[in-house]
Amino acid sequence: MDRNDEAERLGAQLRALKERSGLSYDALARRAGISRSSLHRYCAASSVAQDYGVVHRIATSCGATSAELRQLHRLWALADAERERQVSQEVAAPSDVVSEQTDAGSAEAPADGEAASVKLPIQDLALAPGSRKPRTRQGRRPLNRRTVALTVAAAVAVLGTVGAMSLVSAPDEQAGPADSRILSSPVCSPVVSMGQHDECVREVQKLLERHGAVIGVDGDFGPQTLRRVTAFQVITGLPPNGVVTAATKTALYESKARMDTWSPEKARQRIREVFDATPDDAVAIADCQSFLDPLHILPNTNGSRNWGLFQISDTRLRELGGTPLKALDPEWNIQAAKRLWSRHRDFRDWPHCERALRAKASAAPTAGSEKN
């Protein structure tokens, strides 16, 4: 495989973080939940992690700042895109060689056939009983094998030239207009990701809005754009890595997928209907978790993510038999949250927001404590 310069930059950043942390490879690997050999490969840039969550865990274990995490996310996206490009080239290369060999074999076949057809002179062929030996006209010498071979070779060369000319001219005649899409133009980098602020990000936001997403179009690739890109990838069946690579660019222009979802008012109403025993608390939990946004996605420091209205974690999703796509369905998300609540009839699965609820309840004055 060719050298991946983007992987070199990513590896250099990881090495710098490791050295700053003072952790050994063994200690850092244990904290990040990966093998020592994998960590060494990522730091040495001999391979690229297939999931950004691995890079995120390594960085947070080293105490990376928010700015460093954003930079790492971008470096990983570029390195991963380059790795996929190199892999696709390696897969395509053997088929090209086979095609060339096949073409060469088919081109040589007629010459062998011609040689076989003139290998024996006509005079040496056995004559059938009663037949007469063929005569040749005086003054004309029969064609020898060299003449026949040269004639055939010249004919093949002429036909090949005509065929090549037709093949070369065909694309010009059938070529369509050049791709005018902004994200496919040289103006935009191969990967659009977190931290960018330019017209390419603005184009991504416009396309997401066209698909029905509620998003501000300001050209700034911040947390909101990251969440919407990730949600779009989930809905269209792409790897939900939150970076706009070639596949995501194509889907943004060509996919018919829609991102329309419930409004906060509709989500609030449905939560009250499902959580009929504790409607106010349930709405407060969902509002605390996602601002009542059904497409809200939040990454955790360990590389996992929380999904949808009630921010159901990857671990809980597996327990409930769900998927990120299901979790972004507000009805499924509310029903899943109700199942979690029903285990103990409380909101212990959302400890941060539950503590906020308890603090709010304790701060509220009771009827007996009010002064007359």
Protein backbone atom coordinates (compact mmCIF):
# COMPACT_ATOMS: atom_id res chain seq x y z
CA MET A 1 0.00 0.00 0.00
CA ASP A 2 1.21 3.54 -0.79
CA ARG A 3 2.22 5.83 2.03
CA ASN A 4 -0.73 7.55 3.73
CA ASP A 5 0.43 11.07 4.60
CA GLU A 6 -2.82 11.79 6.45
CA ALA A 7 -2.25 8.73 8.65
CA GLU A 8 1.25 10.05 9.39
CA ARG A 9 -0.20 13.32 10.69
CA LEU A 10 -2.79 11.46 12.77
CA GLY A 11 -0.11 9.15 14.19
CA ALA A 12 2.12 12.11 15.04
CA GLN A 13 -0.73 13.75 16.96
CA LEU A 14 -1.45 10.55 18.89
CA ARG A 15 2.24 10.11 19.73
CA ALA A 16 2.41 13.68 21.00
CA LEU A 17 -0.60 13.13 23.25
CA LYS A 18 0.84 9.87 24.57
CA GLU A 19 4.22 11.44 25.36
CA ARG A 20 2.54 14.36 27.11
CA SER A 21 0.43 12.01 29.23
CA GLY A 22 3.47 10.07 30.44
CA LEU A 23 1.57 6.78 30.02
CA SER A 24 3.23 3.66 28.71
CA TYR A 25 1.77 1.79 25.74
CA ASP A 26 0.44 -0.89 28.09
CA ALA A 27 -1.24 1.58 30.45
CA LEU A 28 -2.73 3.68 27.66
CA ALA A 29 -4.00 0.60 25.81
CA ARG A 30 -5.78 -0.61 28.96
CA ARG A 31 -7.41 2.78 29.49
CA ALA A 32 -8.54 3.00 25.87
CA GLY A 33 -9.81 -0.58 25.84
CA ILE A 34 -7.67 -1.76 22.93
CA SER A 35 -4.67 -4.05 22.51
CA ARG A 36 -1.13 -2.76 22.89
CA SER A 37 -0.27 -3.82 19.33
CA SER A 38 -3.23 -1.87 17.91
CA LEU A 39 -2.25 1.23 19.85
CA HIS A 40 1.33 0.94 18.59
CA ARG A 41 0.13 0.61 14.97
CA TYR A 42 -2.09 3.70 15.25
CA CYS A 43 0.70 5.78 16.81
CA ALA A 44 3.22 4.53 14.25
CA ALA A 45 0.76 5.33 11.43
CA SER A 46 1.07 1.81 10.02
CA SER A 47 -2.74 1.49 10.15
CA VAL A 48 -5.80 3.68 10.70
CA ALA A 49 -8.58 2.85 13.15
CA GLN A 50 -11.78 2.03 11.28
CA ASP A 51 -13.90 3.76 13.95
CA TYR A 52 -13.24 7.26 15.27
CA GLY A 53 -14.43 6.10 18.70
CA VAL A 54 -11.10 4.30 19.17
CA VAL A 55 -9.13 7.48 18.44
CA HIS A 56 -11.44 9.42 20.75
CA ARG A 57 -10.83 7.02 23.64
CA ILE A 58 -7.05 7.18 23.16
CA ALA A 59 -7.12 10.98 23.13
CA THR A 60 -9.40 11.39 26.15
CA SER A 61 -7.28 8.88 28.08
CA CYS A 62 -4.35 11.22 27.42
CA GLY A 63 -6.33 14.26 28.62
CA ALA A 64 -6.90 15.87 25.21
CA THR A 65 -8.67 19.22 25.15
CA SER A 66 -11.84 19.95 23.17
CA ALA A 67 -9.81 21.73 20.49
CA GLU A 68 -7.44 18.78 20.22
CA LEU A 69 -10.37 16.37 19.91
CA ARG A 70 -11.81 18.43 17.06
CA GLN A 71 -8.44 18.41 15.31
CA LEU A 72 -8.10 14.65 15.81
CA HIS A 73 -11.56 14.07 14.39
CA ARG A 74 -10.60 15.93 11.24
CA LEU A 75 -7.23 14.16 10.93
CA TRP A 76 -8.89 10.77 11.36
CA ALA A 77 -11.52 11.60 8.72
CA LEU A 78 -8.84 12.53 6.19
CA ALA A 79 -6.72 9.47 7.01
CA ASP A 80 -9.71 7.14 6.81
CA ALA A 81 -10.76 8.56 3.44
CA GLU A 82 -7.23 8.10 2.08
CA ARG A 83 -7.11 4.54 3.41
CA GLU A 84 -10.39 3.67 1.66
CA ARG A 85 -9.10 5.22 -1.58
CA GLN A 86 -5.91 3.13 -1.47
CA VAL A 87 -7.85 -0.06 -0.70
CA SER A 88 -10.20 0.52 -3.63
CA GLN A 89 -7.22 1.05 -5.96
CA GLU A 90 -5.59 -2.18 -4.81
CA VAL A 91 -8.82 -4.11 -5.35
CA ALA A 92 -9.22 -2.69 -8.86
CA ALA A 93 -5.60 -3.27 -9.94
CA PRO A 94 -5.71 -7.12 -10.36
CA SER A 95 -8.79 -6.93 -12.59
CA ASP A 96 -6.99 -4.44 -14.85
CA VAL A 97 -4.05 -6.83 -15.24
CA VAL A 98 -6.35 -9.74 -16.06
CA SER A 99 -8.15 -7.60 -18.64
CA GLU A 100 -4.90 -6.62 -20.32
CA GLN A 101 -3.74 -10.23 -20.41
CA THR A 102 -7.07 -11.34 -21.87
CA ASP A 103 -6.91 -8.66 -24.55
CA ALA A 104 -3.33 -9.61 -25.40
CA GLY A 105 -4.25 -13.29 -25.62
CA SER A 106 -7.20 -12.62 -27.92
CA ALA A 107 -5.08 -10.42 -30.17
CA GLU A 108 -2.41 -13.08 -30.54
CA ALA A 109 -4.83 -15.92 -31.22
CA PRO A 110 -5.45 -15.11 -34.91
CA ALA A 111 -1.70 -15.10 -35.65
CA ASP A 112 -1.35 -18.58 -34.19
CA GLY A 113 -4.36 -19.71 -36.17
CA GLU A 114 -2.98 -18.31 -39.40
CA ALA A 115 0.34 -19.99 -38.78
CA ALA A 116 -1.44 -23.30 -38.27
CA SER A 117 -3.49 -22.87 -41.43
CA VAL A 118 -0.41 -22.41 -43.65
CA LYS A 119 1.88 -24.79 -41.85
CA LEU A 120 1.65 -27.45 -44.57
CA PRO A 121 1.85 -26.66 -48.29
CA ILE A 122 -1.23 -27.56 -50.29
CA GLN A 123 0.85 -29.93 -52.43
CA ASP A 124 1.59 -32.09 -49.39
CA LEU A 125 -2.06 -32.75 -48.60
CA ALA A 126 -3.30 -36.23 -49.50
CA LEU A 127 -5.53 -36.34 -52.55
CA ALA A 128 -8.81 -38.16 -52.48
CA PRO A 129 -9.08 -41.13 -54.81
CA GLY A 130 -9.96 -40.03 -58.36
CA SER A 131 -9.24 -36.39 -57.71
CA ARG A 132 -6.81 -34.35 -59.76
CA LYS A 133 -3.93 -32.38 -58.44
CA PRO A 134 -4.77 -28.69 -58.51
CA ARG A 135 -2.89 -26.62 -61.02
CA THR A 136 -1.49 -23.15 -60.58
CA ARG A 137 -1.47 -20.49 -63.21
CA GLN A 138 1.89 -20.02 -64.88
CA GLY A 139 3.73 -16.86 -64.05
CA ARG A 140 2.26 -16.56 -60.54
CA ARG A 141 4.03 -17.97 -57.51
CA PRO A 142 1.90 -19.31 -54.68
CA LEU A 143 1.81 -17.17 -51.53
CA ASN A 144 4.27 -18.29 -48.89
CA ARG A 145 3.62 -18.28 -45.15
CA ARG A 146 5.52 -15.04 -44.53
CA THR A 147 3.40 -13.14 -47.04
CA VAL A 148 0.18 -14.47 -45.52
CA ALA A 149 1.30 -13.58 -41.99
CA LEU A 150 2.32 -10.04 -43.01
CA THR A 151 -0.98 -9.52 -44.80
CA VAL A 152 -3.00 -10.67 -41.82
CA ALA A 153 -0.92 -8.53 -39.44
CA ALA A 154 -1.46 -5.45 -41.59
CA ALA A 155 -5.22 -6.06 -41.68
CA VAL A 156 -5.37 -6.47 -37.91
CA ALA A 157 -3.35 -3.27 -37.42
CA VAL A 158 -5.73 -1.30 -39.65
CA LEU A 159 -8.81 -2.65 -37.89
CA GLY A 160 -7.24 -1.97 -34.49
CA THR A 161 -6.47 1.61 -35.47
CA VAL A 162 -10.03 2.21 -36.68
CA GLY A 163 -11.45 0.62 -33.52
CA ALA A 164 -9.20 2.70 -31.27
CA MET A 165 -10.21 5.88 -33.09
CA SER A 166 -13.89 5.05 -32.60
CA LEU A 167 -13.33 4.30 -28.91
CA VAL A 168 -11.46 7.55 -28.37
CA SER A 169 -14.06 9.62 -30.14
CA ALA A 170 -17.05 7.92 -28.50
CA PRO A 171 -16.65 9.46 -25.02
CA ASP A 172 -16.38 12.95 -26.52
CA GLU A 173 -19.65 12.42 -28.33
CA GLN A 174 -21.45 10.95 -25.30
CA ALA A 175 -19.86 12.99 -22.51
CA GLY A 176 -22.35 14.93 -20.46
CA PRO A 177 -21.92 18.31 -18.82
CA ALA A 178 -19.23 18.66 -16.15
CA ASP A 179 -20.29 18.12 -12.53
CA SER A 180 -21.20 21.55 -11.16
CA ARG A 181 -21.82 20.38 -7.60
CA ILE A 182 -19.88 22.50 -5.14
CA LEU A 183 -18.87 19.60 -2.88
CA SER A 184 -17.46 17.73 -5.90
CA SER A 185 -15.45 20.70 -7.13
CA PRO A 186 -11.76 21.35 -6.40
CA VAL A 187 -12.86 24.18 -4.11
CA CYS A 188 -13.86 21.67 -1.42
CA SER A 189 -11.51 19.23 0.29
CA PRO A 190 -12.18 15.47 0.00
CA VAL A 191 -13.53 15.53 3.57
CA VAL A 192 -15.70 18.22 5.16
CA SER A 193 -15.67 17.88 8.93
CA MET A 194 -15.85 19.41 12.38
CA GLY A 195 -14.08 22.75 12.81
CA GLN A 196 -14.35 23.97 9.20
CA HIS A 197 -15.93 27.31 8.37
CA ASP A 198 -16.37 27.93 4.65
CA GLU A 199 -18.73 27.71 1.69
CA CYS A 200 -18.35 23.92 1.55
CA VAL A 201 -19.87 23.64 5.03
CA ARG A 202 -22.60 26.05 3.98
CA GLU A 203 -23.40 23.78 1.03
CA VAL A 204 -23.63 20.76 3.36
CA GLN A 205 -26.03 22.67 5.60
CA LYS A 206 -28.18 23.77 2.66
CA LEU A 207 -28.43 20.18 1.42
CA LEU A 208 -29.34 18.90 4.88
CA GLU A 209 -32.02 21.58 5.09
CA ARG A 210 -33.30 20.48 1.69
CA HIS A 211 -33.68 16.96 3.12
CA GLY A 212 -35.89 18.36 5.89
CA ALA A 213 -33.36 18.90 8.68
CA VAL A 214 -33.79 21.79 11.09
CA ILE A 215 -30.38 23.44 10.94
CA GLY A 216 -28.85 26.87 10.80
CA VAL A 217 -27.04 27.71 7.57
CA ASP A 218 -24.02 29.72 8.70
CA GLY A 219 -21.04 27.87 7.14
CA ASP A 220 -19.77 26.75 10.56
CA PHE A 221 -19.28 23.00 11.07
CA GLY A 222 -20.07 22.90 14.77
CA PRO A 223 -21.90 20.46 17.09
CA GLN A 224 -25.30 21.01 15.48
CA THR A 225 -23.99 20.26 11.98
CA LEU A 226 -22.13 17.24 13.36
CA ARG A 227 -25.38 15.89 14.83
CA ARG A 228 -27.35 16.48 11.63
CA VAL A 229 -24.67 14.91 9.40
CA THR A 230 -24.57 11.86 11.68
CA ALA A 231 -28.37 11.57 11.66
CA PHE A 232 -28.42 11.83 7.87
CA GLN A 233 -25.83 9.05 7.61
CA VAL A 234 -27.90 6.82 9.89
CA ILE A 235 -31.06 7.45 7.86
CA THR A 236 -29.32 6.75 4.53
CA GLY A 237 -27.47 3.65 5.77
CA LEU A 238 -23.97 5.16 5.68
CA PRO A 239 -21.35 4.73 8.43
CA PRO A 240 -22.36 7.33 11.05
CA ASN A 241 -18.95 8.93 11.56
CA GLY A 242 -20.11 12.56 11.35
CA VAL A 243 -17.72 13.50 8.53
CA VAL A 244 -18.74 14.32 4.97
CA THR A 245 -16.72 12.02 2.70
CA ALA A 246 -17.39 11.18 -0.96
CA ALA A 247 -20.22 8.74 -0.17
CA THR A 248 -22.00 11.26 2.06
CA LYS A 249 -21.56 14.01 -0.54
CA THR A 250 -23.18 11.81 -3.18
CA ALA A 251 -26.05 10.92 -0.86
CA LEU A 252 -26.64 14.58 0.01
CA TYR A 253 -27.15 15.34 -3.67
CA GLU A 254 -28.88 12.16 -4.84
CA SER A 255 -30.66 10.48 -1.91
CA LYS A 256 -34.43 10.87 -1.51
CA ALA A 257 -34.20 10.33 2.25
CA ARG A 258 -36.09 12.77 4.45
CA MET A 259 -35.14 14.11 7.88
CA ASP A 260 -38.51 15.59 8.76
CA THR A 261 -39.44 14.65 12.32
CA TRP A 262 -41.66 15.67 15.23
CA SER A 263 -41.72 19.20 16.57
CA PRO A 264 -40.94 19.74 20.29
CA GLU A 265 -44.64 20.34 20.89
CA LYS A 266 -45.66 17.01 19.37
CA ALA A 267 -42.89 15.19 21.24
CA ARG A 268 -43.98 16.77 24.54
CA GLN A 269 -47.59 15.76 23.97
CA ARG A 270 -46.74 12.15 23.10
CA ILE A 271 -44.42 11.78 26.11
CA ARG A 272 -47.24 12.89 28.39
CA GLU A 273 -49.54 10.29 26.85
CA VAL A 274 -47.07 7.42 27.24
CA PHE A 275 -45.79 8.40 30.71
CA ASP A 276 -49.27 8.90 32.13
CA ALA A 277 -48.09 8.23 35.71
CA THR A 278 -45.30 10.86 35.68
CA PRO A 279 -45.90 13.08 32.64
CA ASP A 280 -44.18 16.21 33.96
CA ASP A 281 -41.04 14.40 35.07
CA ALA A 282 -40.81 12.45 31.81
CA VAL A 283 -41.06 15.62 29.73
CA ALA A 284 -38.46 17.29 31.96
CA ILE A 285 -36.06 14.33 31.51
CA ALA A 286 -36.42 14.36 27.71
CA ASP A 287 -36.02 18.14 27.60
CA CYS A 288 -32.90 17.87 29.76
CA GLN A 289 -31.47 15.12 27.56
CA SER A 290 -32.21 16.33 24.02
CA PHE A 291 -34.11 19.63 24.16
CA LEU A 292 -36.99 17.53 22.77
CA ASP A 293 -35.10 17.05 19.49
CA PRO A 294 -35.78 13.54 18.06
CA LEU A 295 -32.57 13.66 15.98
CA HIS A 296 -30.29 14.69 18.84
CA ILE A 297 -27.07 12.64 18.96
CA LEU A 298 -24.42 13.07 21.63
CA PRO A 299 -20.97 11.40 21.70
CA ASN A 300 -19.56 10.13 24.99
CA THR A 301 -15.96 10.30 26.16
CA ASN A 302 -15.59 6.53 25.66
CA GLY A 303 -16.50 6.75 21.97
CA SER A 304 -20.09 5.53 22.33
CA ARG A 305 -23.13 7.68 21.57
CA ASN A 306 -26.58 8.50 22.91
CA TRP A 307 -29.53 8.67 20.55
CA GLY A 308 -32.82 10.51 20.16
CA LEU A 309 -35.33 12.12 22.52
CA PHE A 310 -34.28 10.26 25.66
CA GLN A 311 -30.63 9.89 24.60
CA ILE A 312 -30.64 6.10 24.80
CA SER A 313 -27.07 4.80 24.93
CA ASP A 314 -25.50 2.21 22.63
CA THR A 315 -25.49 -0.26 25.52
CA ARG A 316 -29.19 0.21 26.23
CA LEU A 317 -29.96 -0.01 22.52
CA ARG A 318 -28.42 -3.46 22.37
CA GLU A 319 -30.36 -4.55 25.44
CA LEU A 320 -33.62 -3.33 23.93
CA GLY A 321 -32.95 -4.85 20.51
CA GLY A 322 -32.75 -1.43 18.90
CA THR A 323 -30.54 0.31 16.38
CA PRO A 324 -29.49 3.94 15.90
CA LEU A 325 -32.09 4.20 13.12
CA LYS A 326 -34.85 2.98 15.45
CA ALA A 327 -33.65 5.30 18.20
CA LEU A 328 -34.11 8.31 15.90
CA ASP A 329 -37.78 7.35 15.49
CA PRO A 330 -39.46 9.43 18.24
CA GLU A 331 -42.25 6.91 18.86
CA TRP A 332 -39.81 4.01 19.28
CA ASN A 333 -37.56 6.15 21.48
CA ILE A 334 -40.39 7.13 23.83
CA GLN A 335 -41.63 3.55 24.13
CA ALA A 336 -38.07 2.32 24.81
CA ALA A 337 -37.65 4.95 27.53
CA LYS A 338 -40.92 3.81 29.07
CA ARG A 339 -39.60 0.24 29.17
CA LEU A 340 -36.46 1.43 30.98
CA TRP A 341 -38.55 3.48 33.43
CA SER A 342 -40.84 0.50 34.11
CA ARG A 343 -37.97 -1.63 35.46
CA HIS A 344 -37.86 0.36 38.71
CA ARG A 345 -40.55 2.97 38.05
CA ASP A 346 -37.99 5.75 38.19
CA PHE A 347 -35.53 7.61 35.98
CA ARG A 348 -32.29 6.12 37.26
CA ASP A 349 -31.15 5.48 33.67
CA TRP A 350 -30.81 9.26 33.36
CA PRO A 351 -28.90 10.06 36.58
CA HIS A 352 -27.77 13.56 35.63
CA CYS A 353 -31.24 14.78 34.77
CA GLU A 354 -32.84 12.84 37.62
CA ARG A 355 -30.59 14.64 40.11
CA ALA A 356 -31.67 17.93 38.57
CA LEU A 357 -35.29 16.90 39.05
CA ARG A 358 -34.73 16.02 42.71
CA ALA A 359 -32.91 19.30 43.33
CA LYS A 360 -35.74 21.20 41.73
CA ALA A 361 -38.33 19.33 43.76
CA SER A 362 -36.51 19.95 47.03
CA ALA A 363 -36.12 23.64 46.25
CA ALA A 364 -39.82 24.08 45.54
CA PRO A 365 -41.68 25.44 48.60
CA THR A 366 -44.37 23.21 50.12
CA ALA A 367 -47.81 24.41 51.05
CA GLY A 368 -47.04 24.08 54.78
CA SER A 369 -43.85 26.10 54.58
CA GLU A 370 -45.41 29.09 52.86
CA LYS A 371 -46.04 32.11 55.05
CA ASN A 372 -49.57 33.32 55.38
